[in-house]
Protein backbone atom coordinates (compact mmCIF):
# COMPACT_ATOMS: atom_id res chain seq x y z
CA MET A 1 61.29 61.86 63.56
CA SER A 2 62.99 59.60 66.03
CA GLU A 3 66.22 57.77 65.15
CA SER A 4 66.32 55.48 68.16
CA GLY A 5 66.94 51.78 67.68
CA ILE A 6 64.01 49.68 66.48
CA TYR A 7 64.50 46.03 67.37
CA VAL A 8 62.54 43.31 65.60
CA ASP A 9 62.83 39.56 66.09
CA PHE A 10 64.00 37.57 63.05
CA GLU A 11 64.81 33.93 62.50
CA THR A 12 68.51 33.64 61.68
CA LYS A 13 70.90 30.76 61.07
CA GLU A 14 72.10 31.36 64.62
CA GLY A 15 68.61 31.22 66.09
CA SER A 16 66.14 33.99 66.84
CA ARG A 17 67.81 37.42 66.96
CA ALA A 18 66.52 40.92 67.71
CA LEU A 19 67.94 43.06 64.88
CA ASP A 20 67.97 46.84 64.78
CA ILE A 21 66.21 47.94 61.58
CA SER A 22 66.61 51.68 62.18
CA ALA A 23 68.34 53.82 59.58
CA SER A 24 70.96 54.86 62.13
CA ALA A 25 71.95 51.19 62.56
CA THR A 26 72.01 50.11 58.90
CA ARG A 27 73.15 53.27 57.10
CA GLU A 28 76.79 52.78 58.15
CA PHE A 29 76.83 49.65 55.99
CA GLY A 30 75.48 51.55 52.98
CA PHE A 31 71.99 50.03 53.04
CA LEU A 32 68.58 50.47 54.67
CA TYR A 33 66.04 48.03 56.04
CA HIS A 34 64.23 46.18 53.26
CA ASP A 35 66.68 47.24 50.53
CA ARG A 36 67.08 44.67 47.79
CA VAL A 37 70.74 43.80 47.25
CA MET A 38 72.66 41.55 44.89
CA THR A 39 75.05 39.49 47.01
CA PRO A 40 77.60 36.74 46.16
CA LEU A 41 74.80 34.27 46.88
CA GLY A 42 72.18 36.04 44.76
CA PRO A 43 69.41 38.55 45.49
CA ALA A 44 68.72 39.24 49.16
CA THR A 45 66.77 41.58 51.41
CA VAL A 46 68.40 43.73 54.09
CA LEU A 47 66.91 43.05 57.51
CA GLY A 48 68.87 44.80 60.25
CA ALA A 49 72.11 45.09 62.19
CA ILE A 50 73.51 44.04 65.55
CA HIS A 51 77.01 43.82 67.01
CA GLY A 52 78.60 45.43 63.94
CA ARG A 53 77.11 43.01 61.42
CA LEU A 54 74.42 43.51 58.80
CA TRP A 55 71.99 40.65 58.33
CA PHE A 56 70.40 39.64 55.02
CA LEU A 57 67.69 37.21 53.99
CA VAL A 58 68.96 35.59 50.79
CA ASP A 59 66.15 34.58 48.43
CA GLY A 60 65.29 30.93 48.99
CA ASP A 61 66.80 30.77 52.48
CA ALA A 62 64.61 30.05 55.49
CA ALA A 63 66.72 32.13 57.88
CA ALA A 64 68.86 35.26 57.83
CA SER A 65 72.67 35.34 57.63
CA TYR A 66 75.57 37.82 57.47
CA TRP A 67 78.99 38.15 55.84
CA SER A 68 81.61 38.02 58.59
CA HIS A 69 84.29 39.92 56.63
CA CYS A 70 82.02 42.90 55.91
CA ARG A 71 82.07 45.54 58.64
CA SER A 72 81.63 48.78 56.67
CA ALA A 73 80.01 50.19 53.55
CA GLN A 74 83.34 49.99 51.73
CA ASP A 75 83.68 46.30 52.59
CA TYR A 76 80.37 45.60 50.85
CA ILE A 77 81.38 47.68 47.83
CA ASP A 78 84.71 45.83 47.57
CA ARG A 79 82.91 42.47 47.58
CA GLY A 80 80.46 43.45 44.86
CA PHE A 81 77.29 44.05 46.89
CA THR A 82 74.98 46.36 44.90
CA LYS A 83 71.43 47.61 45.30
CA ILE A 84 68.97 46.25 42.78
CA GLU A 85 65.54 47.31 41.60
CA ASP A 86 63.77 44.10 42.36
CA THR A 87 60.71 42.83 44.17
CA ALA A 88 61.00 42.02 47.83
CA PRO A 89 60.23 38.46 48.87
CA LYS A 90 56.60 37.94 49.80
CA GLN A 91 57.43 36.68 53.27
CA LEU A 92 60.06 37.90 55.69
CA VAL A 93 61.31 35.75 58.55
CA ARG A 94 60.33 38.15 61.26
CA ALA A 95 57.79 38.01 64.04
CA PRO A 96 55.51 40.90 63.04
CA ASP A 97 55.14 43.57 65.71
CA SER A 98 52.74 46.09 64.23
CA LYS A 99 52.66 48.08 67.45
CA LYS A 100 56.31 49.13 67.09
CA PHE A 101 56.81 50.03 63.44
CA HIS A 102 55.24 49.93 59.99
CA ASP A 103 56.78 49.31 56.57
CA ILE A 104 56.22 52.14 54.11
CA ARG A 105 56.50 52.38 50.34
CA THR A 106 56.16 55.09 47.70
CA VAL A 107 53.81 54.60 44.75
CA SER A 108 52.87 56.76 41.78
CA ILE A 109 49.21 57.79 41.60
CA GLN A 110 48.29 59.76 38.50
CA GLY A 111 51.96 60.70 38.20
CA VAL A 112 52.21 61.99 41.79
CA ALA A 113 54.41 60.20 44.32
CA ARG A 114 52.40 59.14 47.38
CA THR A 115 53.62 57.44 50.53
CA VAL A 116 51.69 54.37 51.70
CA ILE A 117 51.87 52.81 55.15
CA MET A 118 51.71 49.03 54.91
CA GLN A 119 49.55 46.66 56.92
CA SER A 120 50.97 43.56 58.58
CA LEU A 121 48.99 40.61 59.91
CA ASN A 122 46.42 41.81 62.47
CA GLY A 123 47.89 45.30 62.29
CA PRO A 124 46.13 48.45 63.50
CA CYS A 125 43.93 49.02 60.46
CA PRO A 126 41.92 52.03 61.80
CA ILE A 127 44.94 54.28 62.27
CA ILE A 128 46.66 53.03 59.10
CA ALA A 129 43.52 53.65 57.04
CA LEU A 130 43.25 57.15 58.49
CA ALA A 131 46.92 57.91 57.81
CA ASN A 132 46.81 56.58 54.24
CA THR A 133 43.66 58.56 53.47
CA LEU A 134 45.42 61.73 54.58
CA LEU A 135 48.58 60.78 52.68
CA LEU A 136 46.63 60.28 49.44
CA ARG A 137 45.20 63.76 49.96
CA GLY A 138 48.71 65.17 50.16
CA GLU A 139 48.72 65.67 53.95
CA LEU A 140 51.16 64.40 56.63
CA ALA A 141 54.20 65.87 54.89
CA SER A 142 56.51 64.72 57.69
CA ILE A 143 55.81 61.08 56.75
CA THR A 144 56.38 61.79 53.06
CA ARG A 145 59.74 63.36 53.87
CA LEU A 146 60.66 60.34 55.98
CA ALA A 147 59.89 57.98 53.10
CA ALA A 148 62.68 59.58 51.07
CA SER A 149 65.33 58.21 53.43
CA THR A 150 63.95 55.03 55.01
CA ASN A 151 61.55 52.14 54.43
CA TYR A 152 59.66 52.18 57.71
CA ILE A 153 58.06 54.48 60.25
CA THR A 154 57.86 53.87 63.98
CA ALA A 155 54.43 53.65 65.55
CA GLU A 156 55.39 56.57 67.77
CA ASP A 157 56.23 58.78 64.80
CA LEU A 158 53.03 57.79 63.04
CA ARG A 159 50.91 58.72 66.04
CA ARG A 160 52.77 62.00 66.46
CA ALA A 161 52.26 62.96 62.81
CA ILE A 162 48.51 62.29 63.03
CA LYS A 163 48.22 64.08 66.36
CA ASP A 164 50.01 67.17 65.03
CA TYR A 165 47.72 67.25 62.00
CA LEU A 166 44.58 67.00 64.13
CA VAL A 167 45.46 69.67 66.66
CA ILE A 168 47.27 72.11 64.36
CA ARG A 169 45.55 71.90 60.97
CA ARG A 170 41.98 71.64 62.36
CA PRO A 171 40.30 70.46 59.12
CA ALA A 172 36.54 70.87 58.71
CA PRO A 173 34.49 67.79 59.66
CA PRO A 174 33.05 65.78 56.74
CA PHE A 175 29.44 65.78 55.67
CA CYS A 176 27.45 62.93 57.21
CA ALA A 177 23.87 61.87 56.63
CA SER A 178 21.53 59.21 57.97
CA SER A 179 17.78 58.74 57.84
CA CYS A 180 17.90 57.62 61.47
CA SER A 181 17.45 59.91 64.42
CA PRO A 182 20.61 62.05 64.73
CA ASP A 183 20.59 61.44 68.46
CA ALA A 184 21.51 57.80 67.84
CA THR A 185 24.11 58.19 65.11
CA LEU A 186 27.68 59.17 64.45
CA ALA A 187 26.20 61.67 61.99
CA GLY A 188 24.43 63.24 64.93
CA LEU A 189 27.70 63.69 66.76
CA CYS A 190 29.17 65.36 63.68
CA LEU A 191 26.12 67.59 63.23
CA GLU A 192 26.35 68.64 66.86
CA GLY A 193 29.91 69.46 65.90
CA THR A 194 32.02 71.79 67.94
CA PRO A 195 31.50 70.58 71.54
CA HIS A 196 32.35 66.95 70.79
CA LEU A 197 35.18 67.69 68.36
CA ASP A 198 36.70 70.34 70.60
CA ALA A 199 36.59 67.98 73.58
CA LEU A 200 38.41 65.29 71.62
CA ARG A 201 40.95 67.80 70.30
CA GLU A 202 41.67 68.96 73.86
CA LYS A 203 42.33 65.38 74.91
CA LEU A 204 44.73 64.93 72.00
CA GLU A 205 46.55 68.14 72.93
CA SER A 206 47.10 66.83 76.46
CA PRO A 207 49.99 64.52 77.48
CA LEU A 208 47.57 61.63 76.94
CA GLY A 209 47.14 62.44 73.23
CA GLU A 210 49.40 59.73 71.83
CA THR A 211 48.00 57.26 74.35
CA ILE A 212 44.52 57.93 73.01
CA LEU A 213 45.69 57.30 69.45
CA GLY A 214 47.48 54.19 70.68
CA ARG A 215 44.12 52.67 71.58
CA PHE A 216 43.35 52.44 67.88
CA TYR A 217 46.06 49.78 67.68
CA ASP A 218 43.64 47.44 69.40
CA GLY A 219 40.86 48.08 66.90
CA LEU A 220 37.77 50.25 66.82
CA ASP A 221 34.22 49.05 67.46
CA VAL A 222 31.67 50.64 65.15
CA SER A 223 28.12 49.56 64.39
CA PRO A 224 26.93 50.26 60.81
CA ILE A 225 23.37 51.38 60.18
CA PHE A 226 21.99 49.71 57.08
CA ASP A 227 20.30 52.68 55.37
CA VAL A 228 23.09 54.92 54.04
CA VAL A 229 26.80 54.47 53.41
CA ASP A 230 27.91 56.78 56.21
CA GLY A 231 25.36 55.55 58.71
CA PHE A 232 26.95 54.40 61.99
CA ALA A 233 25.66 54.18 65.52
CA ARG A 234 26.81 56.88 67.91
CA GLU A 235 30.42 56.05 68.84
CA PRO A 236 32.53 58.89 70.32
CA ASN A 237 35.84 57.15 69.54
CA ALA A 238 35.01 57.18 65.82
CA LEU A 239 35.00 60.99 65.94
CA ILE A 240 38.76 60.78 65.36
CA PHE A 241 37.93 60.43 61.65
CA ALA A 242 35.61 63.45 61.68
CA LEU A 243 38.29 65.45 63.49
CA ALA A 244 40.62 64.65 60.57
CA GLY A 245 38.00 65.74 58.02
CA VAL A 246 37.68 62.15 56.77
CA ARG A 247 34.42 60.43 56.00
CA VAL A 248 33.92 56.81 57.16
CA VAL A 249 31.66 54.73 54.94
CA HIS A 250 30.44 51.17 54.44
CA GLY A 251 28.57 49.28 51.74
CA TRP A 252 26.45 47.14 54.03
CA ILE A 253 23.06 48.38 52.80
CA VAL A 254 19.83 46.39 52.98
CA PRO A 255 18.48 45.81 49.43
CA PRO A 256 15.04 47.39 48.90
CA ASP A 257 13.54 44.02 47.92
CA ALA A 258 14.85 42.19 51.00
CA PRO A 259 12.23 40.74 53.35
CA PHE A 260 11.14 43.36 55.90
CA ALA A 261 13.64 45.82 54.44
CA ASP A 262 11.86 48.81 55.95
CA GLN A 263 12.18 47.34 59.43
CA LEU A 264 15.85 46.41 59.04
CA ARG A 265 17.47 49.28 57.17
CA THR A 266 17.16 51.87 59.94
CA ARG A 267 18.65 49.52 62.52
CA SER A 268 22.29 49.17 63.44
CA TYR A 269 24.33 46.00 63.45
CA ASP A 270 24.32 45.91 67.26
CA GLU A 271 20.52 46.17 67.26
CA LEU A 272 20.09 43.30 64.83
CA MET A 273 22.36 41.16 66.98
CA VAL A 274 19.89 41.40 69.89
CA PHE A 275 16.79 40.73 67.78
CA PRO A 276 16.72 37.00 68.69
CA PHE A 277 16.36 37.91 72.37
CA ASP A 278 13.68 40.57 71.99
CA ASP A 279 10.21 39.07 72.50
CA ALA A 280 8.58 42.24 71.15
CA ILE A 281 9.90 41.57 67.64
CA ASP A 282 7.95 39.34 65.28
CA VAL A 283 9.51 35.97 64.52
CA SER A 284 9.41 36.65 60.77
CA VAL A 285 11.41 39.85 61.25
CA LYS A 286 13.92 37.99 63.41
CA GLU A 287 14.38 35.39 60.68
CA ALA A 288 14.78 38.09 58.04
CA ALA A 289 17.45 39.83 60.14
CA CYS A 290 19.33 36.58 60.69
CA GLY A 291 19.13 35.73 56.99
CA PHE A 292 20.44 39.15 55.97
CA LEU A 293 23.43 38.98 58.32
CA GLN A 294 24.32 35.45 57.20
CA ALA A 295 24.01 36.28 53.50
CA THR A 296 26.15 39.43 53.80
CA ALA A 297 28.90 38.24 56.13
CA SER A 298 31.48 40.24 54.15
CA GLN A 299 29.56 43.42 55.10
CA LEU A 300 28.93 44.44 51.50
CA THR A 301 25.92 44.25 49.15
CA HIS A 302 25.30 45.17 45.52
CA THR A 303 22.95 47.84 46.80
CA GLY A 304 25.81 49.14 48.91
CA ILE A 305 28.18 49.26 45.93
CA SER A 306 25.61 51.29 44.00
CA ALA A 307 25.04 53.60 46.98
CA LEU A 308 28.77 54.22 47.39
CA ASN A 309 29.06 55.20 43.72
CA GLN A 310 26.07 57.51 44.01
CA THR A 311 27.16 59.11 47.28
CA LEU A 312 30.92 59.55 46.90
CA ALA A 313 32.30 62.31 44.71
CA VAL A 314 34.67 61.51 41.85
CA GLY A 315 38.15 61.29 43.32
CA GLU A 316 36.91 61.32 46.92
CA VAL A 317 39.23 59.55 49.34
CA CYS A 318 37.67 58.12 52.49
CA VAL A 319 37.89 55.28 55.00
CA LEU A 320 35.88 52.13 54.27
CA LEU A 321 34.66 49.52 56.76
CA HIS A 322 34.43 46.17 55.00
CA ASN A 323 34.81 42.64 56.31
CA ASN A 324 35.76 43.87 59.79
CA HIS A 325 38.64 45.87 58.31
CA PHE A 326 39.25 49.57 57.75
CA SER A 327 40.89 50.55 54.47
CA THR A 328 41.36 53.58 52.23
CA LEU A 329 38.81 53.88 49.41
CA VAL A 330 38.84 55.99 46.22
CA ARG A 331 35.92 56.45 43.83
CA THR A 332 36.98 56.86 40.19
CA ARG A 333 35.38 58.64 37.24
CA GLU A 334 34.42 55.26 35.75
CA GLN A 335 32.43 54.48 38.92
CA ARG A 336 34.99 52.00 40.13
CA LEU A 337 35.57 51.70 43.84
CA LEU A 338 39.25 51.04 44.49
CA THR A 339 40.79 50.22 47.85
CA LEU A 340 44.43 51.05 48.49
CA VAL A 341 46.67 47.96 48.58
CA THR A 342 48.51 47.96 51.91
CA ASP A 343 49.30 44.30 52.59
CA VAL A 344 53.01 43.84 53.29
CA ALA A 345 53.01 41.01 50.74
CA PHE A 346 53.03 43.75 48.09
CA LEU A 347 56.19 45.45 49.31
CA GLY A 348 58.43 45.81 46.27
CA ARG A 349 55.54 45.55 43.81
CA ASP A 350 55.00 49.28 43.63
CA GLN A 351 52.98 49.08 40.40
CA VAL A 352 50.21 47.28 42.32
CA VAL A 353 48.40 50.20 43.95
CA PHE A 354 44.66 49.51 44.08
CA GLU A 355 42.25 46.58 44.33
CA GLU A 356 38.68 46.82 43.09
CA LEU A 357 35.93 46.52 45.69
CA THR A 358 33.48 43.78 44.70
CA VAL A 359 30.78 41.82 46.49
CA ASP A 360 31.90 38.39 45.33
CA GLY A 361 35.59 38.99 46.11
CA ALA A 362 36.67 38.30 42.49
CA SER A 363 38.42 41.63 42.25
CA SER A 364 41.16 42.98 40.01
CA PHE A 365 44.32 44.91 40.81
CA TYR A 366 45.11 48.31 39.30
CA ASP A 367 48.18 50.49 38.98
CA GLY A 368 48.34 54.13 40.04
CA ASP A 369 46.87 55.28 36.70
CA GLU A 370 43.85 53.03 37.40
CA THR A 371 44.87 50.59 34.66
CA VAL A 372 43.84 47.03 35.37
CA ILE A 373 46.75 44.62 35.87
CA SER A 374 46.30 41.40 33.92
CA ALA A 375 47.45 38.04 35.26
CA LYS A 376 50.33 38.07 32.76
CA ALA A 377 51.39 41.58 33.81
CA MET A 378 51.23 40.55 37.47
CA SER A 379 53.55 37.63 36.68
CA VAL A 380 56.07 40.03 35.13
CA LEU A 381 55.84 42.36 38.13
CA ASP A 382 56.40 39.42 40.49
CA SER A 383 59.55 38.48 38.59
CA PHE A 384 61.01 41.86 37.71
CA GLY A 385 59.49 44.31 40.17
CA ARG A 386 59.84 48.04 39.71
CA ARG A 387 61.72 47.97 36.41
CA TYR A 388 58.66 47.94 34.16
CA THR A 389 55.31 49.69 34.15
CA VAL A 390 51.96 48.03 33.53
CA ALA A 391 51.49 50.08 30.35
CA GLU A 392 54.86 48.90 29.00
CA ILE A 393 53.99 45.29 29.79
CA ASP A 394 50.56 45.52 28.13
CA LEU A 395 52.04 47.04 24.97
CA ALA A 396 54.72 44.35 24.80
CA ILE A 397 52.03 41.66 25.07
CA VAL A 398 50.10 43.26 22.18
CA LEU A 399 53.25 43.49 20.04
CA LEU A 400 54.19 39.89 20.72
CA ASP A 401 50.66 38.74 19.93
CA SER A 402 50.91 40.51 16.57
CA THR A 403 53.94 38.33 15.77
CA GLY A 404 51.98 35.17 16.56
CA ASN A 405 53.18 34.72 20.15
CA SER A 406 49.86 34.73 22.02
CA ASN A 407 51.21 33.32 25.27
CA PRO A 408 54.62 34.91 25.88
CA SER A 409 56.71 34.18 28.93
CA SER A 410 57.71 36.92 31.36
CA ALA A 411 61.25 36.81 29.94
CA GLU A 412 59.96 37.30 26.38
CA ILE A 413 57.83 40.25 27.52
CA VAL A 414 60.70 42.08 29.21
CA THR A 415 62.95 41.37 26.22
CA MET A 416 60.39 43.09 24.01
CA ILE A 417 60.16 46.05 26.42
CA ASP A 418 63.95 46.41 26.49
CA ALA A 419 64.04 46.30 22.70
CA GLN A 420 61.39 49.01 22.47
CA ARG A 421 63.35 51.16 24.90
CA SER A 422 66.63 50.70 23.08
CA ASP A 423 64.98 51.52 19.75
CA GLY A 424 64.03 54.91 21.15
CA ALA A 425 60.32 54.20 21.31
CA GLU A 426 58.31 56.84 23.10
CA ALA A 427 57.74 56.10 26.76
CA VAL A 428 54.48 54.34 27.44
CA GLY A 429 54.38 54.35 31.23
CA GLY A 430 56.06 56.53 33.81
CA GLY A 431 52.90 58.20 35.00
CA ALA A 432 51.72 59.44 31.59
CA SER A 433 48.19 60.80 31.82
CA HIS A 434 45.24 59.25 30.01
CA PRO A 435 42.19 61.19 28.83
CA ASP A 436 39.80 58.71 30.43
CA ILE A 437 41.51 58.59 33.81
CA ALA A 438 40.15 60.63 36.68
CA PRO A 439 42.37 63.46 37.95
CA PRO A 440 44.25 63.08 41.24
CA PRO A 441 41.89 62.91 44.24
CA PRO A 442 41.18 66.45 45.44
CA ARG A 443 42.14 67.63 48.89
CA LEU A 444 38.80 67.64 50.65
């Protein structure tokens, strides 16, 4: 992995500055980018270094600052700077540049540490979704090793890791199915197999390989077909997922009782978009197509949710297209569909791992053991970060309720947890397995 300088623009008390967030620049001060540190002014987040100074964003400040008398790791130790296990602020004062680097975090999923690449505003969701799907399967070991020593990965290193996996590992393409003519579908390209996949692999092996992957930073145009969850119109660029052995799915399925369902479900999104201009199509069908697209603007239906649960295997990890966004999806034993949380706003809240996929958007968050996170537990995690597990928080709430405190504060909850720990109570969290929880997703 490269150790060259990575410069990112931040707002500082001296104006906008390009700070070097690379490990080689910050390690000499004893910290890494995005570390949480207790400073003389309170908790702060490490941003980057330049001209022999390390810059911090102190909680509550609008701009970054530095300590002029601190020039080495020992200087910070002498002045009482210490790392803390705490949540990162929800908003950093940087101009996001998702084409240069990505924040990463490590979460526990069914007791196994997994690296997650985070998504910034308007970031390259196709390549991040692909990488995270492979990471949850236990692939891309070079990225996992990197996460042990730093909090970010450069875009170049991410592309190289994916490229190496595609050209060296050569995983089998996923199963695809569609009731449409294979000649018109992505499934058809997969079924035709070797010629198309080999041609793409050869391109990736060439000097243009990383350039090809770089195009995914500008998005990926796909056109869902409304009959099955892995139905997509023929799009050669989308074969990158098949080359990785990853299935791409959607939940945008026409309900069987929808008007003119039989005439809509075998069409693609691009085809429905030209219906209004096709004089050969009946006006009633045009109106039905328009009504369906308007009513399902989020690209998800209840029929689609049911189809995803019926089609995906328990523990299967795949890439989901939903609401014009690619994400990593896992299907659980309880027939929940959980998307991996990758928004940078959740950096530091490592207990928040999944979000349930729902049609109405009123979803819940889950930890890595697929335990739902209540609003009260989320409040504790916001305040105290990594120090407590969801299971510990839930037990403390139950214990406090039994004493008559039905609405405890976050401080009262953590006091109860600390008391339980000090009394030698058996550990509740820490990745303990649960008989009703699905096993770790298999490597497909």
